[in-house]
C-alpha atoms as a PDB file:
ATOM      1  CA  MET A   1      -4.179   6.063  -7.599  1.00  0.00           C
ATOM      2  CA  ILE A   2      -6.431   7.106  -4.675  1.00  0.00           C
ATOM      3  CA  LEU A   3      -9.865   8.698  -4.700  1.00  0.00           C
ATOM      4  CA  ARG A   4     -10.849  12.283  -3.977  1.00  0.00           C
ATOM      5  CA  CYS A   5     -14.359  13.393  -3.211  1.00  0.00           C
ATOM      6  CA  GLU A   6     -15.457  15.977  -5.831  1.00  0.00           C
ATOM      7  CA  ALA A   7     -17.684  17.677  -3.306  1.00  0.00           C
ATOM      8  CA  CYS A   8     -15.405  18.225  -0.318  1.00  0.00           C
ATOM      9  CA  ALA A   9     -11.915  17.135  -1.653  1.00  0.00           C
ATOM     10  CA  THR A  10     -11.392  14.486   1.085  1.00  0.00           C
ATOM     11  CA  LEU A  11      -8.784  11.968  -0.015  1.00  0.00           C
ATOM     12  CA  LEU A  12      -9.896   8.311   0.269  1.00  0.00           C
ATOM     13  CA  ALA A  13      -8.457   4.832  -0.001  1.00  0.00           C
ATOM     14  CA  PRO A  14      -8.849   3.124  -3.430  1.00  0.00           C
ATOM     15  CA  GLU A  15     -11.486   0.658  -2.152  1.00  0.00           C
ATOM     16  CA  ASP A  16     -13.913   3.328  -0.793  1.00  0.00           C
ATOM     17  CA  THR A  17     -17.098   3.809  -2.625  1.00  0.00           C
ATOM     18  CA  VAL A  18     -18.504   6.859  -0.845  1.00  0.00           C
ATOM     19  CA  CYS A  19     -16.844   9.829   0.867  1.00  0.00           C
ATOM     20  CA  THR A  20     -16.184   9.077   4.530  1.00  0.00           C
ATOM     21  CA  SER A  21     -16.562  12.787   5.312  1.00  0.00           C
ATOM     22  CA  CYS A  22     -19.675  13.946   3.473  1.00  0.00           C
ATOM     23  CA  GLY A  23     -21.225  10.647   2.234  1.00  0.00           C
ATOM     24  CA  ARG A  24     -21.355  11.611  -1.390  1.00  0.00           C
ATOM     25  CA  ASP A  25     -20.417   9.094  -4.136  1.00  0.00           C
ATOM     26  CA  GLU A  26     -18.992  11.516  -6.706  1.00  0.00           C
ATOM     27  CA  LEU A  27     -15.350  10.409  -6.531  1.00  0.00           C
ATOM     28  CA  GLU A  28     -12.453  10.946  -8.902  1.00  0.00           C
ATOM     29  CA  ARG A  29      -9.136   9.181  -9.180  1.00  0.00           C
ATOM     30  CA  VAL A  30      -5.999  11.180  -8.401  1.00  0.00           C
ATOM     31  CA  ARG A  31      -2.355  10.260  -8.394  1.00  0.00           C
ATOM     32  CA  ALA A  32      -0.687   9.387  -5.099  1.00  0.00           C
ATOM     33  CA  ALA A  33       3.011   9.822  -4.370  1.00  0.00           C
ATOM     34  CA  GLY A  34       3.283   6.082  -3.712  1.00  0.00           C
ATOM     35  CA  THR A  35       4.985   6.476  -0.288  1.00  0.00           C
ATOM     36  CA  GLY A  36       3.792   5.975   3.205  1.00  0.00           C
ATOM     37  CA  THR A  37       4.514   4.433   6.640  1.00  0.00           C
ATOM     38  CA  VAL A  38       3.408   1.188   8.240  1.00  0.00           C
ATOM     39  CA  VAL A  39       0.548   1.525  10.714  1.00  0.00           C
ATOM     40  CA  SER A  40       0.151  -2.132  11.553  1.00  0.00           C
ATOM     41  CA  TRP A  41       1.286  -5.518  10.220  1.00  0.00           C
ATOM     42  CA  THR A  42       1.033  -9.254  10.732  1.00  0.00           C
ATOM     43  CA  VAL A  43       2.682 -12.291   9.235  1.00  0.00           C
ATOM     44  CA  VAL A  44       0.485 -15.005   7.741  1.00  0.00           C
ATOM     45  CA  ASP A  45       1.152 -18.288   5.981  1.00  0.00           C
ATOM     46  CA  CYS A  46       0.428 -18.188   2.215  1.00  0.00           C
ATOM     47  CA  SER A  47       0.635 -20.732  -0.519  1.00  0.00           C
ATOM     48  CA  SER A  48       3.649 -20.558  -2.752  1.00  0.00           C
ATOM     49  CA  ALA A  49       3.591 -20.662  -6.565  1.00  0.00           C
ATOM     50  CA  ASP A  50       7.136 -22.036  -6.482  1.00  0.00           C
ATOM     51  CA  LEU A  51       6.658 -24.793  -3.934  1.00  0.00           C
ATOM     52  CA  ARG A  52       3.586 -26.945  -4.366  1.00  0.00           C
ATOM     53  CA  LEU A  53       1.741 -27.687  -1.117  1.00  0.00           C
ATOM     54  CA  ALA A  54       4.115 -25.467   0.848  1.00  0.00           C
ATOM     55  CA  LEU A  55       3.316 -22.468   2.906  1.00  0.00           C
ATOM     56  CA  VAL A  56       5.580 -19.422   3.176  1.00  0.00           C
ATOM     57  CA  PRO A  57       5.376 -16.440   5.487  1.00  0.00           C
ATOM     58  CA  CYS A  58       3.822 -13.306   3.965  1.00  0.00           C
ATOM     59  CA  THR A  59       3.527  -9.891   5.599  1.00  0.00           C
ATOM     60  CA  LEU A  60       0.126  -8.124   5.405  1.00  0.00           C
ATOM     61  CA  ALA A  61       0.061  -4.466   6.432  1.00  0.00           C
ATOM     62  CA  ILE A  62      -1.880  -1.275   6.735  1.00  0.00           C
ATOM     63  CA  VAL A  63       0.129   1.563   5.204  1.00  0.00           C
ATOM     64  CA  GLU A  64      -0.755   5.180   5.773  1.00  0.00           C
ATOM     65  CA  LEU A  65      -0.085   7.006   2.473  1.00  0.00           C
ATOM     66  CA  ASP A  66       1.662  10.323   2.770  1.00  0.00           C
ATOM     67  CA  GLU A  67      -1.597  11.875   1.492  1.00  0.00           C
ATOM     68  CA  GLY A  68      -3.470  10.410   4.508  1.00  0.00           C
ATOM     69  CA  PRO A  69      -5.633   7.436   3.443  1.00  0.00           C
ATOM     70  CA  TRP A  70      -4.800   3.994   4.868  1.00  0.00           C
ATOM     71  CA  ILE A  71      -4.544   1.018   2.467  1.00  0.00           C
ATOM     72  CA  TYR A  72      -4.249  -2.727   2.998  1.00  0.00           C
ATOM     73  CA  THR A  73      -1.265  -4.176   1.211  1.00  0.00           C
ATOM     74  CA  TRP A  74       1.598  -6.656   1.292  1.00  0.00           C
ATOM     75  CA  ILE A  75       5.114  -5.797   2.453  1.00  0.00           C
ATOM     76  CA  GLU A  76       7.864  -7.052   0.141  1.00  0.00           C
ATOM     77  CA  GLY A  77      11.193  -7.772   1.781  1.00  0.00           C
ATOM     78  CA  GLU A  78      12.032  -6.662   5.390  1.00  0.00           C
ATOM     79  CA  LEU A  79       9.844  -4.535   7.554  1.00  0.00           C
ATOM     80  CA  PRO A  80      11.287  -1.071   8.413  1.00  0.00           C
ATOM     81  CA  VAL A  81      13.473  -1.108  11.556  1.00  0.00           C
ATOM     82  CA  HIS A  82      12.034   2.272  12.570  1.00  0.00           C
ATOM     83  CA  PRO A  83       8.214   2.589  12.424  1.00  0.00           C
ATOM     84  CA  ASP A  84       8.442   6.017  10.784  1.00  0.00           C
ATOM     85  CA  ARG A  85      10.674   4.858   7.982  1.00  0.00           C
ATOM     86  CA  SER A  86       9.149   5.596   4.597  1.00  0.00           C
ATOM     87  CA  MET A  87       7.865   2.755   2.366  1.00  0.00           C
ATOM     88  CA  ARG A  88       7.483   3.031  -1.403  1.00  0.00           C
ATOM     89  CA  VAL A  89       4.942   1.217  -3.514  1.00  0.00           C
ATOM     90  CA  GLU A  90       6.039  -1.313  -6.153  1.00  0.00           C
ATOM     91  CA  PHE A  91       3.812  -3.233  -8.556  1.00  0.00           C
ATOM     92  CA  LEU A  92       4.217  -7.003  -8.939  1.00  0.00           C
ATOM     93  CA  GLN A  93       2.823  -9.020 -11.866  1.00  0.00           C
ATOM     94  CA  ALA A  94       0.430 -11.805 -10.881  1.00  0.00           C
ATOM     95  CA  GLU A  95       0.094 -15.054 -12.895  1.00  0.00           C
ATOM     96  CA  SER A  96      -3.299 -13.763 -14.065  1.00  0.00           C
ATOM     97  CA  GLY A  97      -1.546 -10.793 -15.734  1.00  0.00           C
ATOM     98  CA  GLU A  98      -2.909  -8.318 -13.172  1.00  0.00           C
ATOM     99  CA  ARG A  99      -0.548  -5.950 -11.393  1.00  0.00           C
ATOM    100  CA  PHE A 100      -0.989  -5.413  -7.675  1.00  0.00           C
ATOM    101  CA  PRO A 101       0.680  -2.975  -5.239  1.00  0.00           C
ATOM    102  CA  VAL A 102       3.141  -4.072  -2.543  1.00  0.00           C
ATOM    103  CA  PHE A 103       5.313  -1.833  -0.368  1.00  0.00           C
ATOM    104  CA  ALA A 104       9.053  -2.084   0.305  1.00  0.00           C
ATOM    105  CA  VAL A 105      11.415  -0.109   2.548  1.00  0.00           C
ATOM    106  CA  GLN A 106      12.511   2.977   0.644  1.00  0.00           C
ATOM    107  CA  GLN A 107      16.235   3.089   0.014  1.00  0.00           C
ATOM    108  CA  VAL A 108      17.936   6.216   1.426  1.00  0.00           C
ATOM    109  CA  CYS A 109      20.509   7.740  -0.901  1.00  0.00           C
ATOM    110  CA  GLN A 110      23.380   9.566   0.732  1.00  0.00           C
ATOM    111  CA  GLU A 111      25.224  12.282  -1.090  1.00  0.00           C
ATOM    112  CA  VAL A 112      28.943  11.859  -1.571  1.00  0.00           C
ATOM    113  CA  SER A 113      30.892  15.070  -1.042  1.00  0.00           C
END
């Protein structure tokens, strides 16, 4: 879900609290397609739930949603080889029971003739 300003219809990232276009705070949640492309990324060391006291590489990224807003997220699996390759959101379950979005390279299906 992303946010849309009720006054000017600007689409906003989920963490925005006011419209970046008109400054109003009347925002409504709207469904996003769940796809986008990587704008920027970095690899950081994160603690692992599976390996106590071990650090594992994790990829943090900024993904531009197809609707326009940019969101901060994790990349699951490999980064796309081509920067314009579409990514799709997936939701992972955290130990706390919360679900959080991560992006993965979207599989391309080829038609068989």
